[in-house]
């Protein structure tokens, strides 16, 4: 059931249907600031994500080409609304990752179950 909800939410998100009328997703050429305004998420092409600080310095970068090479649609990249935690949704419900700083301040990506807020965006 959760996988189905994630797939439906991803499809709605990738078609641009935000439930609150606001497009919160970073897209190529349209980066999105984190809730604190300290970080910027960049969608690079259909399979890359990059996070920079407010001054443009690179903090995190990852390619999801291995997970999207069999599909024509790209990843979804969206901040959680309440904290500087970025979510990457890979088409087909294959996986989702949470990207955030650890206790040492280093940003890392880990596979995680989507929070309700992200699945409700559609």
PDB file of N, CA and C in Angstrom:
ATOM      1  N   UNK A   1       0.818  -1.189   0.000  1.00  0.00           N
ATOM      2  CA  UNK A   1       0.000   0.000   0.000  1.00  0.00           C
ATOM      3  C   UNK A   1       0.868   1.261   0.000  1.00  0.00           C
ATOM      4  N   UNK A   2       1.920   1.260   0.820  1.00  0.00           N
ATOM      5  CA  UNK A   2       2.805   2.429   0.868  1.00  0.00           C
ATOM      6  C   UNK A   2       3.525   2.629  -0.457  1.00  0.00           C
ATOM      7  N   UNK A   3       3.923   1.528  -1.085  1.00  0.00           N
ATOM      8  CA  UNK A   3       4.594   1.633  -2.369  1.00  0.00           C
ATOM      9  C   UNK A   3       3.657   2.231  -3.406  1.00  0.00           C
ATOM     10  N   UNK A   4       2.408   1.803  -3.408  1.00  0.00           N
ATOM     11  CA  UNK A   4       1.430   2.354  -4.339  1.00  0.00           C
ATOM     12  C   UNK A   4       1.231   3.841  -4.093  1.00  0.00           C
ATOM     13  N   UNK A   5       1.122   4.244  -2.839  1.00  0.00           N
ATOM     14  CA  UNK A   5       0.957   5.661  -2.505  1.00  0.00           C
ATOM     15  C   UNK A   5       2.168   6.467  -2.969  1.00  0.00           C
ATOM     16  N   UNK A   6       3.359   5.903  -2.803  1.00  0.00           N
ATOM     17  CA  UNK A   6       4.570   6.600  -3.230  1.00  0.00           C
ATOM     18  C   UNK A   6       4.608   6.741  -4.748  1.00  0.00           C
ATOM     19  N   UNK A   7       4.204   5.710  -5.460  1.00  0.00           N
ATOM     20  CA  UNK A   7       4.198   5.760  -6.921  1.00  0.00           C
ATOM     21  C   UNK A   7       3.188   6.795  -7.413  1.00  0.00           C
ATOM     22  N   UNK A   8       1.994   6.784  -6.838  1.00  0.00           N
ATOM     23  CA  UNK A   8       0.975   7.766  -7.224  1.00  0.00           C
ATOM     24  C   UNK A   8       1.454   9.178  -6.927  1.00  0.00           C
ATOM     25  N   UNK A   9       2.011   9.378  -5.760  1.00  0.00           N
ATOM     26  CA  UNK A   9       2.512  10.709  -5.398  1.00  0.00           C
ATOM     27  C   UNK A   9       3.618  11.146  -6.348  1.00  0.00           C
ATOM     28  N   UNK A  10       4.521  10.240  -6.677  1.00  0.00           N
ATOM     29  CA  UNK A  10       5.607  10.578  -7.587  1.00  0.00           C
ATOM     30  C   UNK A  10       5.073  10.966  -8.958  1.00  0.00           C
ATOM     31  N   UNK A  11       4.111  10.216  -9.463  1.00  0.00           N
ATOM     32  CA  UNK A  11       3.542  10.546 -10.767  1.00  0.00           C
ATOM     33  C   UNK A  11       2.874  11.910 -10.744  1.00  0.00           C
ATOM     34  N   UNK A  12       2.148  12.216  -9.686  1.00  0.00           N
ATOM     35  CA  UNK A  12       1.502  13.524  -9.586  1.00  0.00           C
ATOM     36  C   UNK A  12       2.524  14.641  -9.471  1.00  0.00           C
ATOM     37  N   UNK A  13       3.553  14.390  -8.704  1.00  0.00           N
ATOM     38  CA  UNK A  13       4.602  15.385  -8.526  1.00  0.00           C
ATOM     39  C   UNK A  13       5.322  15.664  -9.834  1.00  0.00           C
ATOM     40  N   UNK A  14       5.689  14.615 -10.548  1.00  0.00           N
ATOM     41  CA  UNK A  14       6.442  14.789 -11.786  1.00  0.00           C
ATOM     42  C   UNK A  14       5.619  15.449 -12.881  1.00  0.00           C
ATOM     43  N   UNK A  15       4.296  15.437 -12.758  1.00  0.00           N
ATOM     44  CA  UNK A  15       3.463  16.142 -13.721  1.00  0.00           C
ATOM     45  C   UNK A  15       3.144  17.548 -13.253  1.00  0.00           C
ATOM     46  N   UNK A  16       3.657  17.930 -12.081  1.00  0.00           N
ATOM     47  CA  UNK A  16       3.519  19.305 -11.618  1.00  0.00           C
ATOM     48  C   UNK A  16       2.239  19.617 -10.891  1.00  0.00           C
ATOM     49  N   UNK A  17       1.534  18.635 -10.371  1.00  0.00           N
ATOM     50  CA  UNK A  17       0.271  18.888  -9.680  1.00  0.00           C
ATOM     51  C   UNK A  17       0.508  18.949  -8.185  1.00  0.00           C
ATOM     52  N   UNK A  18       0.832  20.101  -7.649  1.00  0.00           N
ATOM     53  CA  UNK A  18       1.005  20.248  -6.214  1.00  0.00           C
ATOM     54  C   UNK A  18      -0.328  20.482  -5.555  1.00  0.00           C
ATOM     55  N   UNK A  19      -0.604  19.824  -4.446  1.00  0.00           N
ATOM     56  CA  UNK A  19      -1.871  19.951  -3.769  1.00  0.00           C
ATOM     57  C   UNK A  19      -2.140  21.351  -3.260  1.00  0.00           C
ATOM     58  N   UNK A  20      -1.099  22.109  -2.902  1.00  0.00           N
ATOM     59  CA  UNK A  20      -1.306  23.448  -2.368  1.00  0.00           C
ATOM     60  C   UNK A  20      -1.152  24.524  -3.441  1.00  0.00           C
ATOM     61  N   UNK A  21      -1.046  24.102  -4.705  1.00  0.00           N
ATOM     62  CA  UNK A  21      -0.928  25.060  -5.796  1.00  0.00           C
ATOM     63  C   UNK A  21       0.484  25.601  -5.978  1.00  0.00           C
ATOM     64  N   UNK A  22       1.392  25.251  -5.096  1.00  0.00           N
ATOM     65  CA  UNK A  22       2.764  25.731  -5.171  1.00  0.00           C
ATOM     66  C   UNK A  22       3.659  24.596  -5.631  1.00  0.00           C
ATOM     67  N   UNK A  23       4.499  24.865  -6.598  1.00  0.00           N
ATOM     68  CA  UNK A  23       5.441  23.860  -7.076  1.00  0.00           C
ATOM     69  C   UNK A  23       6.683  23.940  -6.203  1.00  0.00           C
ATOM     70  N   UNK A  24       6.836  22.981  -5.309  1.00  0.00           N
ATOM     71  CA  UNK A  24       7.960  22.973  -4.371  1.00  0.00           C
ATOM     72  C   UNK A  24       9.156  22.215  -4.902  1.00  0.00           C
ATOM     73  N   UNK A  25       9.065  21.643  -6.080  1.00  0.00           N
ATOM     74  CA  UNK A  25      10.124  20.805  -6.598  1.00  0.00           C
ATOM     75  C   UNK A  25      11.168  21.606  -7.353  1.00  0.00           C
ATOM     76  N   UNK A  26      12.435  21.261  -7.100  1.00  0.00           N
ATOM     77  CA  UNK A  26      13.529  21.834  -7.882  1.00  0.00           C
ATOM     78  C   UNK A  26      13.495  21.181  -9.252  1.00  0.00           C
ATOM     79  N   UNK A  27      13.709  21.984 -10.269  1.00  0.00           N
ATOM     80  CA  UNK A  27      13.736  21.500 -11.645  1.00  0.00           C
ATOM     81  C   UNK A  27      14.967  22.103 -12.325  1.00  0.00           C
ATOM     82  N   UNK A  28      15.424  21.497 -13.418  1.00  0.00           N
ATOM     83  CA  UNK A  28      16.558  22.091 -14.129  1.00  0.00           C
ATOM     84  C   UNK A  28      16.273  23.560 -14.466  1.00  0.00           C
ATOM     85  N   UNK A  29      17.156  24.428 -14.056  1.00  0.00           N
ATOM     86  CA  UNK A  29      16.976  25.861 -14.285  1.00  0.00           C
ATOM     87  C   UNK A  29      16.085  26.559 -13.277  1.00  0.00           C
ATOM     88  N   UNK A  30      15.509  25.805 -12.346  1.00  0.00           N
ATOM     89  CA  UNK A  30      14.625  26.382 -11.322  1.00  0.00           C
ATOM     90  C   UNK A  30      14.953  25.778  -9.957  1.00  0.00           C
ATOM     91  N   UNK A  31      16.086  26.179  -9.357  1.00  0.00           N
ATOM     92  CA  UNK A  31      16.465  25.638  -8.047  1.00  0.00           C
ATOM     93  C   UNK A  31      15.499  26.110  -6.957  1.00  0.00           C
ATOM     94  N   UNK A  32      15.504  25.413  -5.825  1.00  0.00           N
ATOM     95  CA  UNK A  32      14.628  25.757  -4.706  1.00  0.00           C
ATOM     96  C   UNK A  32      15.442  25.900  -3.422  1.00  0.00           C
ATOM     97  N   UNK A  33      15.140  26.939  -2.669  1.00  0.00           N
ATOM     98  CA  UNK A  33      15.810  27.182  -1.394  1.00  0.00           C
ATOM     99  C   UNK A  33      15.228  26.278  -0.316  1.00  0.00           C
ATOM    100  N   UNK A  34      16.067  25.930   0.649  1.00  0.00           N
ATOM    101  CA  UNK A  34      15.630  25.128   1.795  1.00  0.00           C
ATOM    102  C   UNK A  34      14.758  25.986   2.705  1.00  0.00           C
ATOM    103  N   UNK A  35      14.050  25.366   3.653  1.00  0.00           N
ATOM    104  CA  UNK A  35      13.207  26.141   4.567  1.00  0.00           C
ATOM    105  C   UNK A  35      13.957  27.236   5.322  1.00  0.00           C
ATOM    106  N   UNK A  36      15.214  26.995   5.688  1.00  0.00           N
ATOM    107  CA  UNK A  36      15.988  28.007   6.403  1.00  0.00           C
ATOM    108  C   UNK A  36      16.520  29.089   5.463  1.00  0.00           C
ATOM    109  N   UNK A  37      16.545  28.797   4.173  1.00  0.00           N
ATOM    110  CA  UNK A  37      17.112  29.720   3.196  1.00  0.00           C
ATOM    111  C   UNK A  37      18.623  29.633   3.093  1.00  0.00           C
ATOM    112  N   UNK A  38      19.235  28.733   3.855  1.00  0.00           N
ATOM    113  CA  UNK A  38      20.696  28.603   3.866  1.00  0.00           C
ATOM    114  C   UNK A  38      21.236  27.733   2.742  1.00  0.00           C
ATOM    115  N   UNK A  39      20.377  26.892   2.142  1.00  0.00           N
ATOM    116  CA  UNK A  39      20.821  25.933   1.148  1.00  0.00           C
ATOM    117  C   UNK A  39      19.916  25.985  -0.074  1.00  0.00           C
ATOM    118  N   UNK A  40      20.470  25.593  -1.219  1.00  0.00           N
ATOM    119  CA  UNK A  40      19.724  25.594  -2.474  1.00  0.00           C
ATOM    120  C   UNK A  40      19.831  24.211  -3.106  1.00  0.00           C
ATOM    121  N   UNK A  41      18.683  23.636  -3.498  1.00  0.00           N
ATOM    122  CA  UNK A  41      18.656  22.356  -4.206  1.00  0.00           C
ATOM    123  C   UNK A  41      18.572  22.629  -5.695  1.00  0.00           C
ATOM    124  N   UNK A  42      19.429  21.926  -6.453  1.00  0.00           N
ATOM    125  CA  UNK A  42      19.465  22.050  -7.901  1.00  0.00           C
ATOM    126  C   UNK A  42      19.192  20.681  -8.512  1.00  0.00           C
ATOM    127  N   UNK A  43      18.223  20.602  -9.421  1.00  0.00           N
ATOM    128  CA  UNK A  43      18.014  19.390 -10.202  1.00  0.00           C
ATOM    129  C   UNK A  43      18.850  19.561 -11.456  1.00  0.00           C
ATOM    130  N   UNK A  44      19.757  18.648 -11.677  1.00  0.00           N
ATOM    131  CA  UNK A  44      20.655  18.745 -12.826  1.00  0.00           C
ATOM    132  C   UNK A  44      20.272  17.697 -13.847  1.00  0.00           C
ATOM    133  N   UNK A  45      19.665  18.161 -14.923  1.00  0.00           N
ATOM    134  CA  UNK A  45      19.151  17.235 -15.922  1.00  0.00           C
ATOM    135  C   UNK A  45      18.025  16.424 -15.317  1.00  0.00           C
ATOM    136  N   UNK A  46      17.868  15.206 -15.781  1.00  0.00           N
ATOM    137  CA  UNK A  46      16.782  14.369 -15.274  1.00  0.00           C
ATOM    138  C   UNK A  46      17.238  13.398 -14.195  1.00  0.00           C
ATOM    139  N   UNK A  47      18.555  13.400 -13.876  1.00  0.00           N
ATOM    140  CA  UNK A  47      19.021  12.374 -12.942  1.00  0.00           C
ATOM    141  C   UNK A  47      20.049  12.840 -11.920  1.00  0.00           C
ATOM    142  N   UNK A  48      20.296  14.142 -11.822  1.00  0.00           N
ATOM    143  CA  UNK A  48      21.296  14.613 -10.873  1.00  0.00           C
ATOM    144  C   UNK A  48      20.725  15.593  -9.868  1.00  0.00           C
ATOM    145  N   UNK A  49      21.322  15.602  -8.691  1.00  0.00           N
ATOM    146  CA  UNK A  49      20.928  16.562  -7.654  1.00  0.00           C
ATOM    147  C   UNK A  49      22.205  17.161  -7.073  1.00  0.00           C
ATOM    148  N   UNK A  50      22.124  18.441  -6.783  1.00  0.00           N
ATOM    149  CA  UNK A  50      23.249  19.147  -6.174  1.00  0.00           C
ATOM    150  C   UNK A  50      22.686  20.096  -5.136  1.00  0.00           C
ATOM    151  N   UNK A  51      23.376  20.206  -4.014  1.00  0.00           N
ATOM    152  CA  UNK A  51      23.011  21.154  -2.968  1.00  0.00           C
ATOM    153  C   UNK A  51      24.173  22.120  -2.809  1.00  0.00           C
ATOM    154  N   UNK A  52      23.839  23.409  -2.783  1.00  0.00           N
ATOM    155  CA  UNK A  52      24.844  24.441  -2.569  1.00  0.00           C
ATOM    156  C   UNK A  52      24.464  25.256  -1.350  1.00  0.00           C
ATOM    157  N   UNK A  53      25.453  25.960  -0.798  1.00  0.00           N
ATOM    158  CA  UNK A  53      25.117  26.913   0.247  1.00  0.00           C
ATOM    159  C   UNK A  53      24.585  28.173  -0.429  1.00  0.00           C
ATOM    160  N   UNK A  54      24.144  29.130   0.360  1.00  0.00           N
ATOM    161  CA  UNK A  54      23.525  30.333  -0.187  1.00  0.00           C
ATOM    162  C   UNK A  54      24.479  31.122  -1.086  1.00  0.00           C
ATOM    163  N   UNK A  55      25.776  30.951  -0.870  1.00  0.00           N
ATOM    164  CA  UNK A  55      26.773  31.656  -1.679  1.00  0.00           C
ATOM    165  C   UNK A  55      27.187  30.888  -2.930  1.00  0.00           C
ATOM    166  N   UNK A  56      26.612  29.702  -3.139  1.00  0.00           N
ATOM    167  CA  UNK A  56      26.913  28.920  -4.332  1.00  0.00           C
ATOM    168  C   UNK A  56      27.972  27.856  -4.163  1.00  0.00           C
ATOM    169  N   UNK A  57      28.502  27.697  -2.959  1.00  0.00           N
ATOM    170  CA  UNK A  57      29.505  26.654  -2.715  1.00  0.00           C
ATOM    171  C   UNK A  57      28.873  25.273  -2.673  1.00  0.00           C
ATOM    172  N   UNK A  58      29.493  24.312  -3.342  1.00  0.00           N
ATOM    173  CA  UNK A  58      28.964  22.949  -3.371  1.00  0.00           C
ATOM    174  C   UNK A  58      29.040  22.284  -2.000  1.00  0.00           C
ATOM    175  N   UNK A  59      27.933  21.630  -1.629  1.00  0.00           N
ATOM    176  CA  UNK A  59      27.848  20.904  -0.365  1.00  0.00           C
ATOM    177  C   UNK A  59      27.646  19.416  -0.608  1.00  0.00           C
ATOM    178  N   UNK A  60      26.842  19.100  -1.634  1.00  0.00           N
ATOM    179  CA  UNK A  60      26.497  17.698  -1.909  1.00  0.00           C
ATOM    180  C   UNK A  60      26.164  17.574  -3.386  1.00  0.00           C
ATOM    181  N   UNK A  61      26.524  16.425  -3.974  1.00  0.00           N
ATOM    182  CA  UNK A  61      26.184  16.163  -5.366  1.00  0.00           C
ATOM    183  C   UNK A  61      26.071  14.661  -5.561  1.00  0.00           C
ATOM    184  N   UNK A  62      25.050  14.249  -6.333  1.00  0.00           N
ATOM    185  CA  UNK A  62      24.881  12.825  -6.611  1.00  0.00           C
ATOM    186  C   UNK A  62      24.121  12.653  -7.916  1.00  0.00           C
ATOM    187  N   UNK A  63      24.487  11.608  -8.654  1.00  0.00           N
ATOM    188  CA  UNK A  63      23.781  11.240  -9.873  1.00  0.00           C
ATOM    189  C   UNK A  63      22.924  10.006  -9.594  1.00  0.00           C
ATOM    190  N   UNK A  64      21.713  10.020 -10.116  1.00  0.00           N
ATOM    191  CA  UNK A  64      20.808   8.875 -10.018  1.00  0.00           C
ATOM    192  C   UNK A  64      20.612   8.241 -11.383  1.00  0.00           C
ATOM    193  N   UNK A  65      21.574   8.464 -12.278  1.00  0.00           N
ATOM    194  CA  UNK A  65      21.468   7.942 -13.640  1.00  0.00           C
ATOM    195  C   UNK A  65      21.303   6.429 -13.644  1.00  0.00           C
ATOM    196  N   UNK A  66      21.978   5.746 -12.734  1.00  0.00           N
ATOM    197  CA  UNK A  66      21.870   4.289 -12.654  1.00  0.00           C
ATOM    198  C   UNK A  66      20.442   3.844 -12.379  1.00  0.00           C
ATOM    199  N   UNK A  67      19.673   4.668 -11.671  1.00  0.00           N
ATOM    200  CA  UNK A  67      18.306   4.299 -11.301  1.00  0.00           C
ATOM    201  C   UNK A  67      17.276   4.796 -12.303  1.00  0.00           C
ATOM    202  N   UNK A  68      17.650   5.728 -13.158  1.00  0.00           N
ATOM    203  CA  UNK A  68      16.687   6.297 -14.100  1.00  0.00           C
ATOM    204  C   UNK A  68      16.994   5.954 -15.544  1.00  0.00           C
ATOM    205  N   UNK A  69      18.044   5.225 -15.811  1.00  0.00           N
ATOM    206  CA  UNK A  69      18.471   4.969 -17.190  1.00  0.00           C
ATOM    207  C   UNK A  69      17.437   4.186 -17.988  1.00  0.00           C
ATOM    208  N   UNK A  70      16.565   3.449 -17.328  1.00  0.00           N
ATOM    209  CA  UNK A  70      15.567   2.646 -18.033  1.00  0.00           C
ATOM    210  C   UNK A  70      14.258   3.414 -18.233  1.00  0.00           C
ATOM    211  N   UNK A  71      14.190   4.671 -17.780  1.00  0.00           N
ATOM    212  CA  UNK A  71      12.952   5.455 -17.883  1.00  0.00           C
ATOM    213  C   UNK A  71      13.249   6.805 -18.519  1.00  0.00           C
ATOM    214  N   UNK A  72      12.225   7.397 -19.106  1.00  0.00           N
ATOM    215  CA  UNK A  72      12.383   8.707 -19.731  1.00  0.00           C
ATOM    216  C   UNK A  72      12.137   9.851 -18.750  1.00  0.00           C
ATOM    217  N   UNK A  73      11.381   9.605 -17.685  1.00  0.00           N
ATOM    218  CA  UNK A  73      11.098  10.678 -16.734  1.00  0.00           C
ATOM    219  C   UNK A  73      12.214  10.777 -15.702  1.00  0.00           C
ATOM    220  N   UNK A  74      12.336  11.949 -15.103  1.00  0.00           N
ATOM    221  CA  UNK A  74      13.441  12.194 -14.184  1.00  0.00           C
ATOM    222  C   UNK A  74      13.060  12.052 -12.729  1.00  0.00           C
ATOM    223  N   UNK A  75      14.021  12.356 -11.884  1.00  0.00           N
ATOM    224  CA  UNK A  75      13.825  12.285 -10.445  1.00  0.00           C
ATOM    225  C   UNK A  75      13.031  13.494  -9.963  1.00  0.00           C
ATOM    226  N   UNK A  76      12.438  13.363  -8.780  1.00  0.00           N
ATOM    227  CA  UNK A  76      11.795  14.477  -8.103  1.00  0.00           C
ATOM    228  C   UNK A  76      12.705  14.929  -6.970  1.00  0.00           C
ATOM    229  N   UNK A  77      12.857  16.249  -6.799  1.00  0.00           N
ATOM    230  CA  UNK A  77      13.752  16.803  -5.784  1.00  0.00           C
ATOM    231  C   UNK A  77      12.978  17.853  -5.001  1.00  0.00           C
ATOM    232  N   UNK A  78      12.749  17.605  -3.699  1.00  0.00           N
ATOM    233  CA  UNK A  78      11.909  18.510  -2.909  1.00  0.00           C
ATOM    234  C   UNK A  78      12.384  18.576  -1.453  1.00  0.00           C
ATOM    235  N   UNK A  79      12.326  19.777  -0.874  1.00  0.00           N
ATOM    236  CA  UNK A  79      12.657  19.964   0.545  1.00  0.00           C
ATOM    237  C   UNK A  79      11.463  19.611   1.408  1.00  0.00           C
ATOM    238  N   UNK A  80      11.706  19.033   2.568  1.00  0.00           N
ATOM    239  CA  UNK A  80      10.692  18.922   3.600  1.00  0.00           C
ATOM    240  C   UNK A  80      10.395  20.348   4.046  1.00  0.00           C
ATOM    241  N   UNK A  81       9.176  20.678   4.352  1.00  0.00           N
ATOM    242  CA  UNK A  81       8.829  22.075   4.638  1.00  0.00           C
ATOM    243  C   UNK A  81       9.316  22.576   5.990  1.00  0.00           C
ATOM    244  N   UNK A  82       9.596  21.673   6.906  1.00  0.00           N
ATOM    245  CA  UNK A  82       9.907  22.089   8.275  1.00  0.00           C
ATOM    246  C   UNK A  82      11.377  22.096   8.637  1.00  0.00           C
ATOM    247  N   UNK A  83      12.218  21.500   7.791  1.00  0.00           N
ATOM    248  CA  UNK A  83      13.653  21.507   8.081  1.00  0.00           C
ATOM    249  C   UNK A  83      14.454  21.284   6.819  1.00  0.00           C
ATOM    250  N   UNK A  84      15.733  21.546   6.901  1.00  0.00           N
ATOM    251  CA  UNK A  84      16.623  21.424   5.749  1.00  0.00           C
ATOM    252  C   UNK A  84      16.945  19.951   5.497  1.00  0.00           C
ATOM    253  N   UNK A  85      15.959  19.271   4.941  1.00  0.00           N
ATOM    254  CA  UNK A  85      16.060  17.850   4.620  1.00  0.00           C
ATOM    255  C   UNK A  85      15.510  17.692   3.201  1.00  0.00           C
ATOM    256  N   UNK A  86      16.358  17.272   2.284  1.00  0.00           N
ATOM    257  CA  UNK A  86      15.973  17.142   0.884  1.00  0.00           C
ATOM    258  C   UNK A  86      15.577  15.709   0.583  1.00  0.00           C
ATOM    259  N   UNK A  87      14.513  15.550  -0.198  1.00  0.00           N
ATOM    260  CA  UNK A  87      14.044  14.227  -0.594  1.00  0.00           C
ATOM    261  C   UNK A  87      14.201  14.071  -2.099  1.00  0.00           C
ATOM    262  N   UNK A  88      14.727  12.917  -2.501  1.00  0.00           N
ATOM    263  CA  UNK A  88      14.880  12.584  -3.910  1.00  0.00           C
ATOM    264  C   UNK A  88      14.010  11.370  -4.179  1.00  0.00           C
ATOM    265  N   UNK A  89      13.098  11.522  -5.140  1.00  0.00           N
ATOM    266  CA  UNK A  89      12.184  10.446  -5.516  1.00  0.00           C
ATOM    267  C   UNK A  89      12.579   9.939  -6.891  1.00  0.00           C
ATOM    268  N   UNK A  90      12.802   8.644  -6.978  1.00  0.00           N
ATOM    269  CA  UNK A  90      13.199   8.028  -8.236  1.00  0.00           C
ATOM    270  C   UNK A  90      11.954   7.421  -8.876  1.00  0.00           C
ATOM    271  N   UNK A  91      11.737   7.654 -10.181  1.00  0.00           N
ATOM    272  CA  UNK A  91      10.534   7.160 -10.864  1.00  0.00           C
ATOM    273  C   UNK A  91      10.342   5.659 -10.708  1.00  0.00           C
ATOM    274  N   UNK A  92       9.092   5.270 -10.721  1.00  0.00           N
ATOM    275  CA  UNK A  92       8.761   3.856 -10.639  1.00  0.00           C
ATOM    276  C   UNK A  92       8.705   3.321  -9.226  1.00  0.00           C
ATOM    277  N   UNK A  93       8.825   4.187  -8.241  1.00  0.00           N
ATOM    278  CA  UNK A  93       8.743   3.751  -6.858  1.00  0.00           C
ATOM    279  C   UNK A  93       9.889   2.863  -6.427  1.00  0.00           C
ATOM    280  N   UNK A  94      10.972   2.876  -7.204  1.00  0.00           N
ATOM    281  CA  UNK A  94      12.106   1.998  -6.887  1.00  0.00           C
ATOM    282  C   UNK A  94      12.799   2.390  -5.601  1.00  0.00           C
ATOM    283  N   UNK A  95      12.867   3.691  -5.323  1.00  0.00           N
ATOM    284  CA  UNK A  95      13.558   4.119  -4.119  1.00  0.00           C
ATOM    285  C   UNK A  95      13.295   5.592  -3.867  1.00  0.00           C
ATOM    286  N   UNK A  96      13.524   5.995  -2.655  1.00  0.00           N
ATOM    287  CA  UNK A  96      13.560   7.415  -2.312  1.00  0.00           C
ATOM    288  C   UNK A  96      14.711   7.590  -1.332  1.00  0.00           C
ATOM    289  N   UNK A  97      15.317   8.760  -1.373  1.00  0.00           N
ATOM    290  CA  UNK A  97      16.435   9.040  -0.474  1.00  0.00           C
ATOM    291  C   UNK A  97      16.231  10.355   0.242  1.00  0.00           C
ATOM    292  N   UNK A  98      16.676  10.361   1.459  1.00  0.00           N
ATOM    293  CA  UNK A  98      16.689  11.565   2.294  1.00  0.00           C
ATOM    294  C   UNK A  98      18.129  12.064   2.322  1.00  0.00           C
ATOM    295  N   UNK A  99      18.297  13.359   2.072  1.00  0.00           N
ATOM    296  CA  UNK A  99      19.634  13.955   2.101  1.00  0.00           C
ATOM    297  C   UNK A  99      19.621  15.042   3.162  1.00  0.00           C
ATOM    298  N   UNK A 100      20.537  14.930   4.124  1.00  0.00           N
ATOM    299  CA  UNK A 100      20.605  15.915   5.198  1.00  0.00           C
ATOM    300  C   UNK A 100      21.979  15.851   5.852  1.00  0.00           C
ATOM    301  N   UNK A 101      22.325  16.900   6.608  1.00  0.00           N
ATOM    302  CA  UNK A 101      23.616  16.871   7.289  1.00  0.00           C
ATOM    303  C   UNK A 101      23.566  15.949   8.509  1.00  0.00           C
ATOM    304  N   UNK A 102      24.665  15.239   8.716  1.00  0.00           N
ATOM    305  CA  UNK A 102      24.790  14.405   9.900  1.00  0.00           C
ATOM    306  C   UNK A 102      25.313  15.220  11.069  1.00  0.00           C
ATOM    307  N   UNK A 103      25.560  14.578  12.207  1.00  0.00           N
ATOM    308  CA  UNK A 103      26.074  15.278  13.386  1.00  0.00           C
ATOM    309  C   UNK A 103      27.402  15.991  13.124  1.00  0.00           C
ATOM    310  N   UNK A 104      28.165  15.468  12.144  1.00  0.00           N
ATOM    311  CA  UNK A 104      29.453  16.071  11.812  1.00  0.00           C
ATOM    312  C   UNK A 104      29.318  17.195  10.771  1.00  0.00           C
ATOM    313  N   UNK A 105      28.071  17.473  10.321  1.00  0.00           N
ATOM    314  CA  UNK A 105      27.830  18.527   9.344  1.00  0.00           C
ATOM    315  C   UNK A 105      27.985  18.095   7.900  1.00  0.00           C
ATOM    316  N   UNK A 106      28.388  16.843   7.672  1.00  0.00           N
ATOM    317  CA  UNK A 106      28.551  16.333   6.312  1.00  0.00           C
ATOM    318  C   UNK A 106      27.197  15.839   5.793  1.00  0.00           C
ATOM    319  N   UNK A 107      26.827  16.313   4.600  1.00  0.00           N
ATOM    320  CA  UNK A 107      25.563  15.920   3.982  1.00  0.00           C
ATOM    321  C   UNK A 107      25.701  14.537   3.364  1.00  0.00           C
ATOM    322  N   UNK A 108      24.737  13.662   3.653  1.00  0.00           N
ATOM    323  CA  UNK A 108      24.740  12.309   3.099  1.00  0.00           C
ATOM    324  C   UNK A 108      23.327  11.930   2.664  1.00  0.00           C
ATOM    325  N   UNK A 109      23.256  10.956   1.773  1.00  0.00           N
ATOM    326  CA  UNK A 109      21.983  10.436   1.289  1.00  0.00           C
ATOM    327  C   UNK A 109      21.796   9.028   1.824  1.00  0.00           C
ATOM    328  N   UNK A 110      20.590   8.753   2.319  1.00  0.00           N
ATOM    329  CA  UNK A 110      20.244   7.412   2.778  1.00  0.00           C
ATOM    330  C   UNK A 110      18.859   7.058   2.253  1.00  0.00           C
ATOM    331  N   UNK A 111      18.699   5.790   1.857  1.00  0.00           N
ATOM    332  CA  UNK A 111      17.365   5.355   1.444  1.00  0.00           C
ATOM    333  C   UNK A 111      16.446   5.432   2.643  1.00  0.00           C
ATOM    334  N   UNK A 112      15.226   5.923   2.409  1.00  0.00           N
ATOM    335  CA  UNK A 112      14.277   6.086   3.499  1.00  0.00           C
ATOM    336  C   UNK A 112      12.855   6.065   2.974  1.00  0.00           C
ATOM    337  N   UNK A 113      11.934   5.724   3.852  1.00  0.00           N
ATOM    338  CA  UNK A 113      10.518   5.746   3.511  1.00  0.00           C
ATOM    339  C   UNK A 113      10.047   7.202   3.469  1.00  0.00           C
ATOM    340  N   UNK A 114       9.255   7.516   2.458  1.00  0.00           N
ATOM    341  CA  UNK A 114       8.780   8.896   2.290  1.00  0.00           C
ATOM    342  C   UNK A 114       7.920   9.328   3.470  1.00  0.00           C
ATOM    343  N   UNK A 115       8.138  10.540   3.964  1.00  0.00           N
ATOM    344  CA  UNK A 115       7.249  11.055   5.008  1.00  0.00           C
ATOM    345  C   UNK A 115       5.901  11.441   4.403  1.00  0.00           C
ATOM    346  N   UNK A 116       4.866  11.466   5.226  1.00  0.00           N
ATOM    347  CA  UNK A 116       3.519  11.787   4.762  1.00  0.00           C
ATOM    348  C   UNK A 116       3.433  13.097   4.022  1.00  0.00           C
ATOM    349  N   UNK A 117       4.166  14.088   4.482  1.00  0.00           N
ATOM    350  CA  UNK A 117       4.124  15.397   3.825  1.00  0.00           C
ATOM    351  C   UNK A 117       4.509  15.309   2.359  1.00  0.00           C
ATOM    352  N   UNK A 118       5.507  14.521   2.052  1.00  0.00           N
ATOM    353  CA  UNK A 118       5.975  14.410   0.671  1.00  0.00           C
ATOM    354  C   UNK A 118       4.964  13.617  -0.159  1.00  0.00           C
ATOM    355  N   UNK A 119       4.416  12.534   0.375  1.00  0.00           N
ATOM    356  CA  UNK A 119       3.444  11.745  -0.391  1.00  0.00           C
ATOM    357  C   UNK A 119       2.158  12.531  -0.612  1.00  0.00           C
ATOM    358  N   UNK A 120       1.840  13.480   0.254  1.00  0.00           N
ATOM    359  CA  UNK A 120       0.608  14.271   0.101  1.00  0.00           C
ATOM    360  C   UNK A 120       0.746  15.431  -0.874  1.00  0.00           C
ATOM    361  N   UNK A 121       1.928  15.692  -1.395  1.00  0.00           N
ATOM    362  CA  UNK A 121       2.100  16.824  -2.314  1.00  0.00           C
ATOM    363  C   UNK A 121       1.248  16.689  -3.566  1.00  0.00           C
ATOM    364  N   UNK A 122       0.924  15.480  -3.942  1.00  0.00           N
ATOM    365  CA  UNK A 122       0.114  15.272  -5.137  1.00  0.00           C
ATOM    366  C   UNK A 122      -1.328  15.406  -4.826  1.00  0.00           C
TER     367      UNK A 122
END
